[in-house]
Amino acid sequence: MSKLLHYKTLSDLHRGNGWPPPEHPLVSVVNCMKDCPLGDREFTSDCYMIAFKKLKAGVVLYGRTTYDHTNGSMMFVRPRQIIEMKNLEFEEQGFMILVHEDYLTGHELHDTIQNYGFFDYEINEALHLSPREETIVWDLYHKIVVEYEDNPDEYSREIILSHVASILKYSQRFYKRQFINRTDMSGKTVTRFNQALQGYFRAGFLQSRGLPSVQHLADTLYLSPRYLSDLLKQETGKTAMDLIHIALMSEAKNQLRTSEQSIAQIAYGLGFENTSYFTRLFKKQVGIKPLEYKKMSLN
């Protein structure tokens, strides 16, 4: 098995993909027309990547929902995230903006970029743009190109990063629109999530595997954990972990009211490794400790 390739510098990344050398050692733009070779094998880098592409393929599976590719889509990759895109054919122009993590040092974007959950989405959870949204993104891209190519000075970094920040803010807005559209197309994600969670309970996995993880439930729904949590947050105001805790405490309350088991037995039966964690979570969710709840129920 070949070793996973890692590009530490932008120059290495450009060289490895057959692109012209970058104009700047820490930031670059790549314009893709028809064919944009990238990642004939899996690789990672020390760069953030923001990419726009429009494929010839008419449809793509997005989770398990089919989306047409008449419009373009965007993807976001953070440093050291594995990239693999093979045999891509583009219908129209695309682009990639590559920002080495060192370029963000000392800038507010160094911290705020961590808040954009879509950098943790899978490639099949790309952002599908409307024509109006495409126009906004292309306009910002062209402003970055102007600063990148035309006589860079002491203001260029601030201007480039402000446009990158704008792309990220708009993308957050566009993803919110997509979450709403996706819900309309495929039904409430929270319903499917709760069904998967109850399936985990019924299968006896609480006893054999312990507490359900967001990763497991996301895999069941063919979504990445971050994308699932953001979808649920859009629908319910709560994350996947919040909903797992609510379901566990609902089951705990039921057992405390109806079972003669001890607090420890109920905790272990629900997948908790120790009673203290179960007690803390129960009090946080319900407002009182499990033993107090059990006594109240008996009275």
C-alpha atoms as a PDB file:
ATOM      1  CA  MET A   1       0.000   0.000   0.000  1.00  0.00           C
ATOM      2  CA  SER A   2       1.449   3.383  -1.034  1.00  0.00           C
ATOM      3  CA  LYS A   3       2.147   5.985   1.615  1.00  0.00           C
ATOM      4  CA  LEU A   4      -0.371   8.826   1.911  1.00  0.00           C
ATOM      5  CA  LEU A   5       1.098  11.909   0.248  1.00  0.00           C
ATOM      6  CA  HIS A   6       1.315  15.087   2.339  1.00  0.00           C
ATOM      7  CA  TYR A   7       2.147  18.531   0.918  1.00  0.00           C
ATOM      8  CA  LYS A   8       3.618  20.869   3.533  1.00  0.00           C
ATOM      9  CA  THR A   9       4.004  23.840   1.181  1.00  0.00           C
ATOM     10  CA  LEU A  10       1.896  25.390  -1.557  1.00  0.00           C
ATOM     11  CA  SER A  11       4.801  25.038  -3.982  1.00  0.00           C
ATOM     12  CA  ASP A  12       4.881  21.264  -3.407  1.00  0.00           C
ATOM     13  CA  LEU A  13       1.110  21.056  -3.826  1.00  0.00           C
ATOM     14  CA  HIS A  14       1.252  22.949  -7.128  1.00  0.00           C
ATOM     15  CA  ARG A  15       4.215  20.921  -8.371  1.00  0.00           C
ATOM     16  CA  GLY A  16       2.601  17.634  -7.382  1.00  0.00           C
ATOM     17  CA  ASN A  17      -0.532  18.445  -9.393  1.00  0.00           C
ATOM     18  CA  GLY A  18       1.159  19.916 -12.427  1.00  0.00           C
ATOM     19  CA  TRP A  19       0.053  23.507 -11.878  1.00  0.00           C
ATOM     20  CA  PRO A  20       2.177  26.632 -12.490  1.00  0.00           C
ATOM     21  CA  PRO A  21       4.121  27.789  -9.415  1.00  0.00           C
ATOM     22  CA  PRO A  22       2.094  29.944  -6.996  1.00  0.00           C
ATOM     23  CA  GLU A  23       2.542  33.732  -7.052  1.00  0.00           C
ATOM     24  CA  HIS A  24       2.694  33.730  -3.232  1.00  0.00           C
ATOM     25  CA  PRO A  25       4.214  31.086  -0.927  1.00  0.00           C
ATOM     26  CA  LEU A  26       1.160  30.960   1.373  1.00  0.00           C
ATOM     27  CA  VAL A  27      -1.908  31.661  -0.802  1.00  0.00           C
ATOM     28  CA  SER A  28      -2.835  30.728  -4.368  1.00  0.00           C
ATOM     29  CA  VAL A  29      -5.730  30.519  -6.809  1.00  0.00           C
ATOM     30  CA  VAL A  30      -6.155  27.797  -9.418  1.00  0.00           C
ATOM     31  CA  ASN A  31      -8.506  28.307 -12.354  1.00  0.00           C
ATOM     32  CA  CYS A  32      -9.954  25.068 -13.715  1.00  0.00           C
ATOM     33  CA  MET A  33     -11.284  24.822 -17.245  1.00  0.00           C
ATOM     34  CA  LYS A  34     -12.616  21.486 -18.526  1.00  0.00           C
ATOM     35  CA  ASP A  35      -9.976  19.454 -16.730  1.00  0.00           C
ATOM     36  CA  CYS A  36      -8.437  20.283 -13.384  1.00  0.00           C
ATOM     37  CA  PRO A  37      -6.234  17.367 -12.305  1.00  0.00           C
ATOM     38  CA  LEU A  38      -6.252  17.011  -8.553  1.00  0.00           C
ATOM     39  CA  GLY A  39      -5.426  14.052  -6.418  1.00  0.00           C
ATOM     40  CA  ASP A  40      -4.802  11.113  -8.766  1.00  0.00           C
ATOM     41  CA  ARG A  41      -4.097   9.551  -5.405  1.00  0.00           C
ATOM     42  CA  GLU A  42      -5.184  10.460  -1.911  1.00  0.00           C
ATOM     43  CA  PHE A  43      -3.246  13.288  -0.300  1.00  0.00           C
ATOM     44  CA  THR A  44      -3.321  15.825   2.519  1.00  0.00           C
ATOM     45  CA  SER A  45      -1.838  19.291   2.846  1.00  0.00           C
ATOM     46  CA  ASP A  46      -1.304  22.116   5.335  1.00  0.00           C
ATOM     47  CA  CYS A  47      -3.800  24.267   3.423  1.00  0.00           C
ATOM     48  CA  TYR A  48      -7.437  25.245   3.560  1.00  0.00           C
ATOM     49  CA  MET A  49      -9.130  24.645   0.217  1.00  0.00           C
ATOM     50  CA  ILE A  50     -12.259  26.384  -1.065  1.00  0.00           C
ATOM     51  CA  ALA A  51     -13.296  24.950  -4.426  1.00  0.00           C
ATOM     52  CA  PHE A  52     -16.081  25.570  -6.924  1.00  0.00           C
ATOM     53  CA  LYS A  53     -16.844  23.007  -9.612  1.00  0.00           C
ATOM     54  CA  LYS A  54     -19.520  22.217 -12.160  1.00  0.00           C
ATOM     55  CA  LEU A  55     -19.400  18.601 -13.334  1.00  0.00           C
ATOM     56  CA  LYS A  56     -20.657  17.153 -16.596  1.00  0.00           C
ATOM     57  CA  ALA A  57     -22.419  14.406 -14.622  1.00  0.00           C
ATOM     58  CA  GLY A  58     -26.162  15.082 -14.529  1.00  0.00           C
ATOM     59  CA  VAL A  59     -26.823  13.828 -11.007  1.00  0.00           C
ATOM     60  CA  VAL A  60     -24.892  13.035  -7.877  1.00  0.00           C
ATOM     61  CA  LEU A  61     -25.881  11.097  -4.787  1.00  0.00           C
ATOM     62  CA  TYR A  62     -25.947  13.490  -1.859  1.00  0.00           C
ATOM     63  CA  GLY A  63     -26.347  11.391   1.248  1.00  0.00           C
ATOM     64  CA  ARG A  64     -29.039   9.199  -0.300  1.00  0.00           C
ATOM     65  CA  THR A  65     -30.829  12.034  -2.058  1.00  0.00           C
ATOM     66  CA  THR A  66     -30.249  12.690  -5.754  1.00  0.00           C
ATOM     67  CA  TYR A  67     -29.315  16.248  -6.690  1.00  0.00           C
ATOM     68  CA  ASP A  68     -28.843  17.455 -10.222  1.00  0.00           C
ATOM     69  CA  HIS A  69     -25.589  19.129 -11.133  1.00  0.00           C
ATOM     70  CA  THR A  70     -26.976  21.725 -13.490  1.00  0.00           C
ATOM     71  CA  ASN A  71     -25.682  24.262 -11.026  1.00  0.00           C
ATOM     72  CA  GLY A  72     -22.213  24.338  -9.570  1.00  0.00           C
ATOM     73  CA  SER A  73     -21.201  23.112  -6.162  1.00  0.00           C
ATOM     74  CA  MET A  74     -18.625  24.112  -3.586  1.00  0.00           C
ATOM     75  CA  MET A  75     -16.501  22.028  -1.273  1.00  0.00           C
ATOM     76  CA  PHE A  76     -14.348  23.002   1.680  1.00  0.00           C
ATOM     77  CA  VAL A  77     -11.289  21.142   2.964  1.00  0.00           C
ATOM     78  CA  ARG A  78      -9.304  21.910   6.096  1.00  0.00           C
ATOM     79  CA  PRO A  79      -5.573  21.197   6.630  1.00  0.00           C
ATOM     80  CA  ARG A  80      -4.668  17.490   6.892  1.00  0.00           C
ATOM     81  CA  GLN A  81      -8.057  16.374   5.653  1.00  0.00           C
ATOM     82  CA  ILE A  82      -7.732  13.603   3.049  1.00  0.00           C
ATOM     83  CA  ILE A  83      -8.554  14.686  -0.522  1.00  0.00           C
ATOM     84  CA  GLU A  84      -9.270  12.395  -3.428  1.00  0.00           C
ATOM     85  CA  MET A  85     -10.970  13.490  -6.656  1.00  0.00           C
ATOM     86  CA  LYS A  86     -10.393  11.268  -9.667  1.00  0.00           C
ATOM     87  CA  ASN A  87     -11.247  11.588 -13.356  1.00  0.00           C
ATOM     88  CA  LEU A  88     -13.222  14.794 -12.958  1.00  0.00           C
ATOM     89  CA  GLU A  89     -14.615  16.439 -16.079  1.00  0.00           C
ATOM     90  CA  PHE A  90     -15.880  19.973 -15.747  1.00  0.00           C
ATOM     91  CA  GLU A  91     -18.773  21.462 -17.682  1.00  0.00           C
ATOM     92  CA  GLU A  92     -17.548  25.019 -17.164  1.00  0.00           C
ATOM     93  CA  GLN A  93     -14.857  26.904 -15.345  1.00  0.00           C
ATOM     94  CA  GLY A  94     -14.142  26.097 -11.732  1.00  0.00           C
ATOM     95  CA  PHE A  95     -11.658  27.392  -9.234  1.00  0.00           C
ATOM     96  CA  MET A  96      -9.726  26.532  -6.118  1.00  0.00           C
ATOM     97  CA  ILE A  97      -8.542  28.965  -3.484  1.00  0.00           C
ATOM     98  CA  LEU A  98      -5.697  27.532  -1.401  1.00  0.00           C
ATOM     99  CA  VAL A  99      -4.749  29.219   1.853  1.00  0.00           C
ATOM    100  CA  HIS A 100      -1.836  27.830   3.857  1.00  0.00           C
ATOM    101  CA  GLU A 101      -2.676  27.788   7.561  1.00  0.00           C
ATOM    102  CA  ASP A 102       0.385  29.993   8.260  1.00  0.00           C
ATOM    103  CA  TYR A 103      -1.198  32.756   6.121  1.00  0.00           C
ATOM    104  CA  LEU A 104      -3.904  33.108   8.797  1.00  0.00           C
ATOM    105  CA  THR A 105      -1.501  33.522  11.730  1.00  0.00           C
ATOM    106  CA  GLY A 106      -2.279  36.727  13.619  1.00  0.00           C
ATOM    107  CA  HIS A 107      -5.487  37.374  11.643  1.00  0.00           C
ATOM    108  CA  GLU A 108      -8.992  37.077  13.138  1.00  0.00           C
ATOM    109  CA  LEU A 109      -9.858  34.499  10.482  1.00  0.00           C
ATOM    110  CA  HIS A 110      -7.364  32.138  12.161  1.00  0.00           C
ATOM    111  CA  ASP A 111      -9.945  31.661  14.923  1.00  0.00           C
ATOM    112  CA  THR A 112     -13.251  32.282  13.156  1.00  0.00           C
ATOM    113  CA  ILE A 113     -12.556  29.761  10.376  1.00  0.00           C
ATOM    114  CA  GLN A 114     -12.777  27.045  13.061  1.00  0.00           C
ATOM    115  CA  ASN A 115     -16.462  27.900  13.524  1.00  0.00           C
ATOM    116  CA  TYR A 116     -17.444  26.900   9.968  1.00  0.00           C
ATOM    117  CA  GLY A 117     -18.648  23.327  10.349  1.00  0.00           C
ATOM    118  CA  PHE A 118     -18.748  22.686   6.600  1.00  0.00           C
ATOM    119  CA  PHE A 119     -14.970  22.159   6.614  1.00  0.00           C
ATOM    120  CA  ASP A 120     -15.788  18.863   8.349  1.00  0.00           C
ATOM    121  CA  TYR A 121     -18.422  17.753   5.838  1.00  0.00           C
ATOM    122  CA  GLU A 122     -17.773  14.951   3.370  1.00  0.00           C
ATOM    123  CA  ILE A 123     -17.313  15.726  -0.325  1.00  0.00           C
ATOM    124  CA  ASN A 124     -20.750  14.242  -1.082  1.00  0.00           C
ATOM    125  CA  GLU A 125     -22.213  16.911   1.225  1.00  0.00           C
ATOM    126  CA  ALA A 126     -21.070  19.735  -1.016  1.00  0.00           C
ATOM    127  CA  LEU A 127     -22.864  23.075  -1.205  1.00  0.00           C
ATOM    128  CA  HIS A 128     -25.066  23.270  -4.318  1.00  0.00           C
ATOM    129  CA  LEU A 129     -25.422  26.855  -5.475  1.00  0.00           C
ATOM    130  CA  SER A 130     -28.310  28.582  -7.196  1.00  0.00           C
ATOM    131  CA  PRO A 131     -27.433  30.781 -10.219  1.00  0.00           C
ATOM    132  CA  ARG A 132     -27.709  33.913  -8.059  1.00  0.00           C
ATOM    133  CA  GLU A 133     -25.444  32.376  -5.424  1.00  0.00           C
ATOM    134  CA  GLU A 134     -22.921  31.395  -8.116  1.00  0.00           C
ATOM    135  CA  THR A 135     -22.736  35.027  -9.234  1.00  0.00           C
ATOM    136  CA  ILE A 136     -21.955  36.216  -5.692  1.00  0.00           C
ATOM    137  CA  VAL A 137     -19.207  33.615  -5.228  1.00  0.00           C
ATOM    138  CA  TRP A 138     -17.601  34.280  -8.617  1.00  0.00           C
ATOM    139  CA  ASP A 139     -17.573  38.024  -7.910  1.00  0.00           C
ATOM    140  CA  LEU A 140     -15.669  37.462  -4.655  1.00  0.00           C
ATOM    141  CA  TYR A 141     -13.294  35.028  -6.376  1.00  0.00           C
ATOM    142  CA  HIS A 142     -12.448  37.588  -9.071  1.00  0.00           C
ATOM    143  CA  LYS A 143     -11.721  40.216  -6.399  1.00  0.00           C
ATOM    144  CA  ILE A 144      -9.285  37.777  -4.783  1.00  0.00           C
ATOM    145  CA  VAL A 145      -7.615  37.160  -8.164  1.00  0.00           C
ATOM    146  CA  VAL A 146      -7.111  40.903  -8.693  1.00  0.00           C
ATOM    147  CA  GLU A 147      -5.298  41.222  -5.355  1.00  0.00           C
ATOM    148  CA  TYR A 148      -3.377  38.012  -5.940  1.00  0.00           C
ATOM    149  CA  GLU A 149      -2.056  38.973  -9.384  1.00  0.00           C
ATOM    150  CA  ASP A 150      -1.819  42.788  -9.427  1.00  0.00           C
ATOM    151  CA  ASN A 151       1.084  44.382  -7.551  1.00  0.00           C
ATOM    152  CA  PRO A 152       0.644  42.953  -4.056  1.00  0.00           C
ATOM    153  CA  ASP A 153       1.387  45.426  -1.263  1.00  0.00           C
ATOM    154  CA  GLU A 154       0.932  45.683   2.513  1.00  0.00           C
ATOM    155  CA  TYR A 155      -2.860  45.764   2.105  1.00  0.00           C
ATOM    156  CA  SER A 156      -3.174  42.667  -0.081  1.00  0.00           C
ATOM    157  CA  ARG A 157      -3.270  40.061   2.688  1.00  0.00           C
ATOM    158  CA  GLU A 158      -6.003  41.895   4.594  1.00  0.00           C
ATOM    159  CA  ILE A 159      -8.072  42.399   1.428  1.00  0.00           C
ATOM    160  CA  ILE A 160      -7.655  38.784   0.254  1.00  0.00           C
ATOM    161  CA  LEU A 161      -8.611  37.374   3.654  1.00  0.00           C
ATOM    162  CA  SER A 162     -11.599  39.712   3.922  1.00  0.00           C
ATOM    163  CA  HIS A 163     -12.908  38.313   0.614  1.00  0.00           C
ATOM    164  CA  VAL A 164     -12.213  34.744   1.789  1.00  0.00           C
ATOM    165  CA  ALA A 165     -14.135  35.551   4.977  1.00  0.00           C
ATOM    166  CA  SER A 166     -17.034  36.857   2.867  1.00  0.00           C
ATOM    167  CA  ILE A 167     -17.126  33.629   0.836  1.00  0.00           C
ATOM    168  CA  LEU A 168     -17.316  31.644   4.073  1.00  0.00           C
ATOM    169  CA  LYS A 169     -20.092  33.821   5.500  1.00  0.00           C
ATOM    170  CA  TYR A 170     -22.134  33.576   2.306  1.00  0.00           C
ATOM    171  CA  SER A 171     -21.534  29.818   2.214  1.00  0.00           C
ATOM    172  CA  GLN A 172     -22.916  29.531   5.746  1.00  0.00           C
ATOM    173  CA  ARG A 173     -26.044  31.340   4.576  1.00  0.00           C
ATOM    174  CA  PHE A 174     -26.337  29.203   1.443  1.00  0.00           C
ATOM    175  CA  TYR A 175     -25.949  25.993   3.453  1.00  0.00           C
ATOM    176  CA  LYS A 176     -28.818  27.102   5.683  1.00  0.00           C
ATOM    177  CA  ARG A 177     -30.965  27.484   2.566  1.00  0.00           C
ATOM    178  CA  GLN A 178     -29.845  24.032   1.405  1.00  0.00           C
ATOM    179  CA  PHE A 179     -30.703  22.444   4.767  1.00  0.00           C
ATOM    180  CA  ILE A 180     -34.248  23.792   4.407  1.00  0.00           C
ATOM    181  CA  ASN A 181     -34.520  22.538   0.815  1.00  0.00           C
ATOM    182  CA  ARG A 182     -33.073  19.169   1.776  1.00  0.00           C
ATOM    183  CA  THR A 183     -35.654  18.785   4.539  1.00  0.00           C
ATOM    184  CA  ASP A 184     -38.419  19.487   2.024  1.00  0.00           C
ATOM    185  CA  MET A 185     -37.026  16.830  -0.330  1.00  0.00           C
ATOM    186  CA  SER A 186     -36.152  14.011   2.038  1.00  0.00           C
ATOM    187  CA  GLY A 187     -38.307  14.469   5.134  1.00  0.00           C
ATOM    188  CA  LYS A 188     -37.345  15.556   8.592  1.00  0.00           C
ATOM    189  CA  THR A 189     -33.844  14.443   9.502  1.00  0.00           C
ATOM    190  CA  VAL A 190     -34.819  14.430  13.179  1.00  0.00           C
ATOM    191  CA  THR A 191     -37.440  11.733  12.473  1.00  0.00           C
ATOM    192  CA  ARG A 192     -34.894   9.507  10.754  1.00  0.00           C
ATOM    193  CA  PHE A 193     -32.362  10.241  13.503  1.00  0.00           C
ATOM    194  CA  ASN A 194     -34.789   9.247  16.246  1.00  0.00           C
ATOM    195  CA  GLN A 195     -35.697   6.077  14.359  1.00  0.00           C
ATOM    196  CA  ALA A 196     -32.007   5.147  14.131  1.00  0.00           C
ATOM    197  CA  LEU A 197     -31.566   5.918  17.831  1.00  0.00           C
ATOM    198  CA  GLN A 198     -34.552   3.769  18.852  1.00  0.00           C
ATOM    199  CA  GLY A 199     -33.228   1.009  16.596  1.00  0.00           C
ATOM    200  CA  TYR A 200     -29.947   1.160  18.538  1.00  0.00           C
ATOM    201  CA  PHE A 201     -31.892   0.789  21.794  1.00  0.00           C
ATOM    202  CA  ARG A 202     -34.074  -2.091  20.526  1.00  0.00           C
ATOM    203  CA  ALA A 203     -31.068  -4.002  19.173  1.00  0.00           C
ATOM    204  CA  GLY A 204     -29.609  -4.155  22.683  1.00  0.00           C
ATOM    205  CA  PHE A 205     -26.547  -2.140  21.678  1.00  0.00           C
ATOM    206  CA  LEU A 206     -26.680  -0.059  24.876  1.00  0.00           C
ATOM    207  CA  GLN A 207     -25.626  -3.158  26.790  1.00  0.00           C
ATOM    208  CA  SER A 208     -23.232  -4.619  24.216  1.00  0.00           C
ATOM    209  CA  ARG A 209     -21.649  -1.454  22.741  1.00  0.00           C
ATOM    210  CA  GLY A 210     -22.336   1.258  25.291  1.00  0.00           C
ATOM    211  CA  LEU A 211     -23.641   4.759  24.644  1.00  0.00           C
ATOM    212  CA  PRO A 212     -24.557   5.548  21.023  1.00  0.00           C
ATOM    213  CA  SER A 213     -22.085   7.828  19.262  1.00  0.00           C
ATOM    214  CA  VAL A 214     -22.882  10.581  16.778  1.00  0.00           C
ATOM    215  CA  GLN A 215     -20.482   8.836  14.367  1.00  0.00           C
ATOM    216  CA  HIS A 216     -22.485   5.583  14.473  1.00  0.00           C
ATOM    217  CA  LEU A 217     -25.828   7.302  13.927  1.00  0.00           C
ATOM    218  CA  ALA A 218     -24.390   9.482  11.153  1.00  0.00           C
ATOM    219  CA  ASP A 219     -23.051   6.355   9.419  1.00  0.00           C
ATOM    220  CA  THR A 220     -26.517   4.791   9.696  1.00  0.00           C
ATOM    221  CA  LEU A 221     -28.011   7.828   7.935  1.00  0.00           C
ATOM    222  CA  TYR A 222     -25.158   8.061   5.362  1.00  0.00           C
ATOM    223  CA  LEU A 223     -24.089  11.507   6.572  1.00  0.00           C
ATOM    224  CA  SER A 224     -20.960  12.924   8.164  1.00  0.00           C
ATOM    225  CA  PRO A 225     -21.262  13.617  11.918  1.00  0.00           C
ATOM    226  CA  ARG A 226     -20.849  17.394  11.541  1.00  0.00           C
ATOM    227  CA  TYR A 227     -23.342  17.626   8.683  1.00  0.00           C
ATOM    228  CA  LEU A 228     -25.869  15.573  10.661  1.00  0.00           C
ATOM    229  CA  SER A 229     -25.493  17.805  13.729  1.00  0.00           C
ATOM    230  CA  ASP A 230     -25.872  20.968  11.646  1.00  0.00           C
ATOM    231  CA  LEU A 231     -28.986  19.585   9.922  1.00  0.00           C
ATOM    232  CA  LEU A 232     -30.515  18.689  13.282  1.00  0.00           C
ATOM    233  CA  LYS A 233     -29.573  22.090  14.700  1.00  0.00           C
ATOM    234  CA  GLN A 234     -31.412  23.709  11.795  1.00  0.00           C
ATOM    235  CA  GLU A 235     -34.529  21.570  12.381  1.00  0.00           C
ATOM    236  CA  THR A 236     -34.656  21.409  16.188  1.00  0.00           C
ATOM    237  CA  GLY A 237     -32.209  23.904  17.655  1.00  0.00           C
ATOM    238  CA  LYS A 238     -30.328  20.973  19.200  1.00  0.00           C
ATOM    239  CA  THR A 239     -27.223  19.038  18.161  1.00  0.00           C
ATOM    240  CA  ALA A 240     -27.061  15.283  17.602  1.00  0.00           C
ATOM    241  CA  MET A 241     -25.436  14.817  21.020  1.00  0.00           C
ATOM    242  CA  ASP A 242     -28.166  16.902  22.671  1.00  0.00           C
ATOM    243  CA  LEU A 243     -30.823  14.640  21.143  1.00  0.00           C
ATOM    244  CA  ILE A 244     -28.958  11.484  22.187  1.00  0.00           C
ATOM    245  CA  HIS A 245     -28.872  12.749  25.781  1.00  0.00           C
ATOM    246  CA  ILE A 246     -32.573  13.658  25.694  1.00  0.00           C
ATOM    247  CA  ALA A 247     -33.507  10.177  24.423  1.00  0.00           C
ATOM    248  CA  LEU A 248     -31.315   8.478  27.052  1.00  0.00           C
ATOM    249  CA  MET A 249     -32.784  10.524  29.886  1.00  0.00           C
ATOM    250  CA  SER A 250     -36.311   9.848  28.623  1.00  0.00           C
ATOM    251  CA  GLU A 251     -35.578   6.127  28.797  1.00  0.00           C
ATOM    252  CA  ALA A 252     -33.922   6.600  32.191  1.00  0.00           C
ATOM    253  CA  LYS A 253     -37.017   8.351  33.585  1.00  0.00           C
ATOM    254  CA  ASN A 254     -39.207   5.527  32.302  1.00  0.00           C
ATOM    255  CA  GLN A 255     -37.055   2.894  33.976  1.00  0.00           C
ATOM    256  CA  LEU A 256     -36.770   4.849  37.226  1.00  0.00           C
ATOM    257  CA  ARG A 257     -40.569   4.968  37.407  1.00  0.00           C
ATOM    258  CA  THR A 258     -41.267   1.356  36.455  1.00  0.00           C
ATOM    259  CA  SER A 259     -38.207  -0.737  37.335  1.00  0.00           C
ATOM    260  CA  GLU A 260     -37.119  -2.107  40.687  1.00  0.00           C
ATOM    261  CA  GLN A 261     -33.471  -1.992  39.586  1.00  0.00           C
ATOM    262  CA  SER A 262     -30.947   0.156  41.456  1.00  0.00           C
ATOM    263  CA  ILE A 263     -29.638   3.429  40.022  1.00  0.00           C
ATOM    264  CA  ALA A 264     -26.357   1.680  39.158  1.00  0.00           C
ATOM    265  CA  GLN A 265     -28.141  -1.170  37.336  1.00  0.00           C
ATOM    266  CA  ILE A 266     -30.233   1.275  35.304  1.00  0.00           C
ATOM    267  CA  ALA A 267     -27.129   3.332  34.459  1.00  0.00           C
ATOM    268  CA  TYR A 268     -25.157   0.301  33.249  1.00  0.00           C
ATOM    269  CA  GLY A 269     -28.199  -0.997  31.357  1.00  0.00           C
ATOM    270  CA  LEU A 270     -28.329   2.312  29.467  1.00  0.00           C
ATOM    271  CA  GLY A 271     -24.671   2.017  28.446  1.00  0.00           C
ATOM    272  CA  PHE A 272     -23.042   4.277  31.042  1.00  0.00           C
ATOM    273  CA  GLU A 273     -19.666   3.057  32.280  1.00  0.00           C
ATOM    274  CA  ASN A 274     -20.114   4.652  35.691  1.00  0.00           C
ATOM    275  CA  THR A 275     -22.995   5.872  37.814  1.00  0.00           C
ATOM    276  CA  SER A 276     -21.515   9.303  38.498  1.00  0.00           C
ATOM    277  CA  TYR A 277     -21.619  10.327  34.812  1.00  0.00           C
ATOM    278  CA  PHE A 278     -25.197   9.051  34.552  1.00  0.00           C
ATOM    279  CA  THR A 279     -26.182  11.028  37.676  1.00  0.00           C
ATOM    280  CA  ARG A 280     -24.543  14.268  36.426  1.00  0.00           C
ATOM    281  CA  LEU A 281     -26.215  14.030  33.022  1.00  0.00           C
ATOM    282  CA  PHE A 282     -29.596  13.173  34.545  1.00  0.00           C
ATOM    283  CA  LYS A 283     -29.459  16.151  36.912  1.00  0.00           C
ATOM    284  CA  LYS A 284     -28.402  18.448  34.073  1.00  0.00           C
ATOM    285  CA  GLN A 285     -31.305  17.285  31.878  1.00  0.00           C
ATOM    286  CA  VAL A 286     -34.029  16.764  34.501  1.00  0.00           C
ATOM    287  CA  GLY A 287     -33.005  19.133  37.282  1.00  0.00           C
ATOM    288  CA  ILE A 288     -32.798  16.560  40.094  1.00  0.00           C
ATOM    289  CA  LYS A 289     -30.730  13.438  40.780  1.00  0.00           C
ATOM    290  CA  PRO A 290     -31.992  10.002  39.675  1.00  0.00           C
ATOM    291  CA  LEU A 291     -32.576   8.819  43.256  1.00  0.00           C
ATOM    292  CA  GLU A 292     -34.685  11.901  44.021  1.00  0.00           C
ATOM    293  CA  TYR A 293     -36.678  11.314  40.828  1.00  0.00           C
ATOM    294  CA  LYS A 294     -37.244   7.664  41.758  1.00  0.00           C
ATOM    295  CA  LYS A 295     -38.459   8.612  45.256  1.00  0.00           C
ATOM    296  CA  MET A 296     -40.811  11.246  43.810  1.00  0.00           C
ATOM    297  CA  SER A 297     -42.207   8.697  41.373  1.00  0.00           C
ATOM    298  CA  LEU A 298     -42.850   6.185  44.156  1.00  0.00           C
ATOM    299  CA  ASN A 299     -44.703   8.832  46.161  1.00  0.00           C
END
